[in-house]
N, C-alpha and C. Protein backbone atom coordinates (compact mmCIF):
# COMPACT_ATOMS: atom_id res chain seq x y z
N MET A 1 -257.77 146.88 -233.55
CA MET A 1 -258.13 147.24 -232.18
C MET A 1 -259.49 148.08 -232.48
N LEU A 2 -260.21 148.50 -231.52
CA LEU A 2 -260.76 149.45 -231.22
C LEU A 2 -260.44 150.30 -230.10
N TYR A 3 -260.35 151.35 -230.25
CA TYR A 3 -260.16 152.32 -229.20
C TYR A 3 -261.13 153.66 -229.20
N VAL A 4 -261.31 153.55 -227.89
CA VAL A 4 -262.95 154.27 -227.59
C VAL A 4 -262.81 155.90 -226.55
N ASP A 5 -263.51 156.86 -226.59
CA ASP A 5 -263.69 158.17 -225.57
C ASP A 5 -264.73 157.57 -225.32
N TYR A 6 -264.41 158.08 -223.96
CA TYR A 6 -265.92 157.94 -223.57
C TYR A 6 -266.01 159.10 -221.60
N THR A 7 -267.08 158.96 -221.38
CA THR A 7 -266.79 159.91 -219.94
C THR A 7 -267.72 159.39 -218.67
N PHE A 8 -267.31 158.87 -217.93
CA PHE A 8 -267.76 158.44 -216.93
C PHE A 8 -267.47 158.98 -215.79
N GLU A 9 -268.75 159.95 -215.16
CA GLU A 9 -269.00 160.33 -214.30
C GLU A 9 -268.04 161.92 -213.80
N GLY A 10 -268.48 162.24 -215.07
CA GLY A 10 -267.38 163.46 -215.00
C GLY A 10 -265.85 163.48 -215.80
N GLU A 11 -265.40 162.90 -215.71
CA GLU A 11 -263.76 162.12 -215.85
C GLU A 11 -264.08 161.97 -218.02
N GLU A 12 -263.09 162.32 -218.55
CA GLU A 12 -263.02 161.99 -219.82
C GLU A 12 -261.93 160.84 -219.83
N TYR A 13 -262.18 159.68 -220.60
CA TYR A 13 -261.52 158.97 -221.01
C TYR A 13 -261.11 158.75 -222.73
N GLU A 14 -260.06 158.95 -223.08
CA GLU A 14 -259.95 158.78 -224.37
C GLU A 14 -258.53 157.93 -224.96
N ASP A 15 -259.00 157.70 -225.91
CA ASP A 15 -257.98 156.38 -227.08
C ASP A 15 -257.43 154.88 -226.07
N VAL A 16 -258.73 154.73 -225.32
CA VAL A 16 -259.32 153.30 -224.24
C VAL A 16 -259.34 152.47 -225.40
N ASN A 17 -258.49 151.14 -225.32
CA ASN A 17 -258.49 150.29 -226.20
C ASN A 17 -259.40 149.24 -225.20
N MET A 18 -260.71 148.58 -226.72
CA MET A 18 -261.57 147.73 -226.07
C MET A 18 -260.83 146.19 -226.28
N GLY A 19 -259.71 146.34 -226.64
CA GLY A 19 -259.36 144.74 -226.79
C GLY A 19 -260.18 144.12 -227.87
N PHE A 20 -260.70 144.95 -228.85
CA PHE A 20 -261.30 143.61 -229.77
C PHE A 20 -261.95 144.76 -231.29
N TYR A 21 -262.24 144.09 -231.97
CA TYR A 21 -263.23 145.23 -232.72
C TYR A 21 -263.83 143.76 -233.81
N LYS A 22 -264.83 144.50 -234.42
CA LYS A 22 -266.21 143.55 -235.02
C LYS A 22 -265.90 143.97 -236.55
N SER A 23 -265.76 143.14 -237.43
CA SER A 23 -266.02 143.78 -238.93
C SER A 23 -267.52 144.55 -239.08
N GLY A 24 -267.18 145.87 -240.02
CA GLY A 24 -268.20 146.94 -240.28
C GLY A 24 -268.56 148.00 -239.20
N MET A 25 -267.48 147.91 -238.26
CA MET A 25 -267.52 149.01 -237.45
C MET A 25 -266.65 150.33 -238.03
N LYS A 26 -267.13 151.31 -237.65
CA LYS A 26 -266.30 152.53 -238.80
C LYS A 26 -265.74 153.47 -237.50
N GLU A 27 -265.21 154.22 -237.77
CA GLU A 27 -264.83 155.38 -236.87
C GLU A 27 -265.34 156.59 -236.68
N GLY A 28 -266.12 156.83 -235.50
CA GLY A 28 -267.23 157.64 -235.35
C GLY A 28 -268.67 157.25 -235.05
N GLN A 29 -268.45 155.61 -234.96
CA GLN A 29 -269.96 155.18 -234.88
C GLN A 29 -270.50 154.86 -233.42
N THR A 30 -271.07 154.85 -232.58
CA THR A 30 -271.37 154.90 -231.52
C THR A 30 -271.52 153.65 -230.83
N VAL A 31 -271.01 153.03 -229.58
CA VAL A 31 -271.02 151.92 -229.37
C VAL A 31 -270.77 152.01 -227.85
N THR A 32 -271.86 150.77 -227.18
CA THR A 32 -271.93 150.62 -225.66
C THR A 32 -270.94 150.29 -225.07
N VAL A 33 -270.08 150.80 -223.83
CA VAL A 33 -269.19 150.11 -223.10
C VAL A 33 -270.06 149.96 -221.96
N LYS A 34 -269.35 149.30 -221.13
CA LYS A 34 -269.73 148.73 -219.63
C LYS A 34 -268.53 149.00 -219.07
N VAL A 35 -267.86 150.10 -217.87
CA VAL A 35 -266.97 150.23 -217.00
C VAL A 35 -267.48 149.63 -215.39
N LEU A 36 -266.10 148.94 -215.38
CA LEU A 36 -266.37 149.29 -213.61
C LEU A 36 -265.84 150.49 -212.97
N PRO A 37 -266.79 150.31 -212.03
CA PRO A 37 -266.78 152.18 -211.67
C PRO A 37 -265.38 151.97 -210.63
N SER A 38 -264.67 151.02 -210.12
CA SER A 38 -263.64 150.56 -209.90
C SER A 38 -261.90 150.85 -210.31
N ASN A 39 -262.60 150.69 -211.63
CA ASN A 39 -261.64 151.05 -212.40
C ASN A 39 -261.69 151.13 -213.79
N PRO A 40 -262.19 153.05 -213.66
CA PRO A 40 -262.81 153.54 -214.94
C PRO A 40 -261.98 153.64 -216.21
N GLY A 41 -260.89 153.80 -215.98
CA GLY A 41 -260.08 153.71 -217.25
C GLY A 41 -260.26 152.24 -217.91
N GLN A 42 -260.99 151.69 -217.76
CA GLN A 42 -260.81 150.09 -218.71
C GLN A 42 -262.12 150.19 -218.78
N CYS A 43 -262.52 149.79 -220.02
CA CYS A 43 -263.70 149.39 -220.27
C CYS A 43 -264.06 148.47 -221.24
N TYR A 44 -265.31 147.95 -221.44
CA TYR A 44 -265.84 146.17 -222.35
C TYR A 44 -267.00 147.17 -222.92
N GLY A 45 -266.58 146.05 -224.09
CA GLY A 45 -267.97 145.97 -224.90
C GLY A 45 -269.05 145.10 -224.57
N TYR A 46 -270.32 144.88 -225.28
CA TYR A 46 -271.01 144.02 -225.15
C TYR A 46 -270.40 142.75 -224.98
N THR A 47 -269.52 142.22 -226.17
CA THR A 47 -268.85 140.81 -225.70
C THR A 47 -267.63 140.70 -225.36
N GLY A 48 -267.49 141.88 -224.28
CA GLY A 48 -265.96 141.49 -223.69
C GLY A 48 -266.44 140.29 -222.29
N MET A 49 -267.63 139.97 -222.25
CA MET A 49 -267.45 139.14 -221.46
C MET A 49 -267.88 137.86 -222.03
N LEU A 50 -268.09 137.66 -222.59
CA LEU A 50 -269.17 136.38 -223.34
C LEU A 50 -268.52 136.12 -223.98
N PHE A 51 -266.88 135.88 -224.07
CA PHE A 51 -266.02 134.54 -224.26
C PHE A 51 -265.62 134.75 -223.41
N PRO A 52 -264.62 135.39 -222.35
CA PRO A 52 -264.57 134.62 -221.00
C PRO A 52 -265.72 133.04 -220.04
N LEU A 53 -266.42 134.02 -220.46
CA LEU A 53 -267.99 132.92 -220.09
C LEU A 53 -268.81 131.61 -220.68
N LEU A 54 -268.24 131.80 -222.21
CA LEU A 54 -268.36 130.62 -223.00
C LEU A 54 -267.51 130.15 -222.75
N PHE A 55 -266.13 130.25 -222.96
CA PHE A 55 -265.23 129.46 -222.44
C PHE A 55 -264.96 129.01 -220.91
N SER A 56 -265.73 129.51 -220.03
CA SER A 56 -265.75 128.89 -218.63
C SER A 56 -266.57 127.57 -218.92
N GLY A 57 -267.84 128.00 -219.00
CA GLY A 57 -268.95 127.11 -219.68
C GLY A 57 -268.63 125.63 -220.33
N ILE A 58 -267.96 125.50 -221.66
CA ILE A 58 -267.23 124.76 -222.24
C ILE A 58 -266.35 123.96 -221.19
N GLY A 59 -265.47 124.02 -220.42
CA GLY A 59 -264.34 123.91 -219.80
C GLY A 59 -265.17 123.05 -218.73
N PHE A 60 -266.02 123.50 -218.05
CA PHE A 60 -267.05 122.95 -217.30
C PHE A 60 -267.41 121.93 -217.36
N LEU A 61 -268.20 121.69 -218.33
CA LEU A 61 -268.92 120.82 -219.18
C LEU A 61 -267.85 120.08 -219.23
N PHE A 62 -266.79 120.14 -220.23
CA PHE A 62 -265.46 118.84 -220.13
C PHE A 62 -265.03 118.23 -218.65
N PHE A 63 -264.93 119.07 -217.41
CA PHE A 63 -264.72 118.34 -216.47
C PHE A 63 -265.51 117.88 -216.32
N VAL A 64 -267.42 118.07 -216.27
CA VAL A 64 -268.60 117.21 -215.72
C VAL A 64 -268.22 115.98 -216.83
N ILE A 65 -268.25 116.17 -218.05
CA ILE A 65 -268.40 114.88 -218.71
C ILE A 65 -266.90 114.12 -218.45
N GLY A 66 -265.93 114.76 -217.61
CA GLY A 66 -264.73 114.00 -217.35
C GLY A 66 -264.81 112.91 -216.56
N LEU A 67 -266.01 113.51 -215.40
CA LEU A 67 -265.97 112.80 -214.05
C LEU A 67 -266.88 111.63 -214.65
N PHE A 68 -267.84 111.88 -215.04
CA PHE A 68 -268.94 110.53 -215.47
C PHE A 68 -268.12 109.59 -216.26
N LEU A 69 -266.74 109.73 -217.37
CA LEU A 69 -266.50 108.63 -217.86
C LEU A 69 -265.49 108.07 -217.08
N LYS A 70 -264.94 108.91 -216.27
CA LYS A 70 -263.73 108.40 -215.59
C LYS A 70 -264.48 106.86 -214.49
N ASN A 71 -266.12 107.33 -214.35
CA ASN A 71 -266.63 106.46 -213.00
C ASN A 71 -266.89 105.20 -213.98
């Protein structure tokens, strides 16, 4: 897992789990995080929303194909 430290609106957050890890990442490396203003103690990396969107899109595609095959 990847843990990061960051500052948002003057408040520091330390050892926050981003929930993923990419090979090649090294300790001390700078990464971009996205923070929800309503919950700044939780952050996401660039891929944080990619997988849910990807799987939702695939699920929708199967749903549409199922509708056409049903008729």
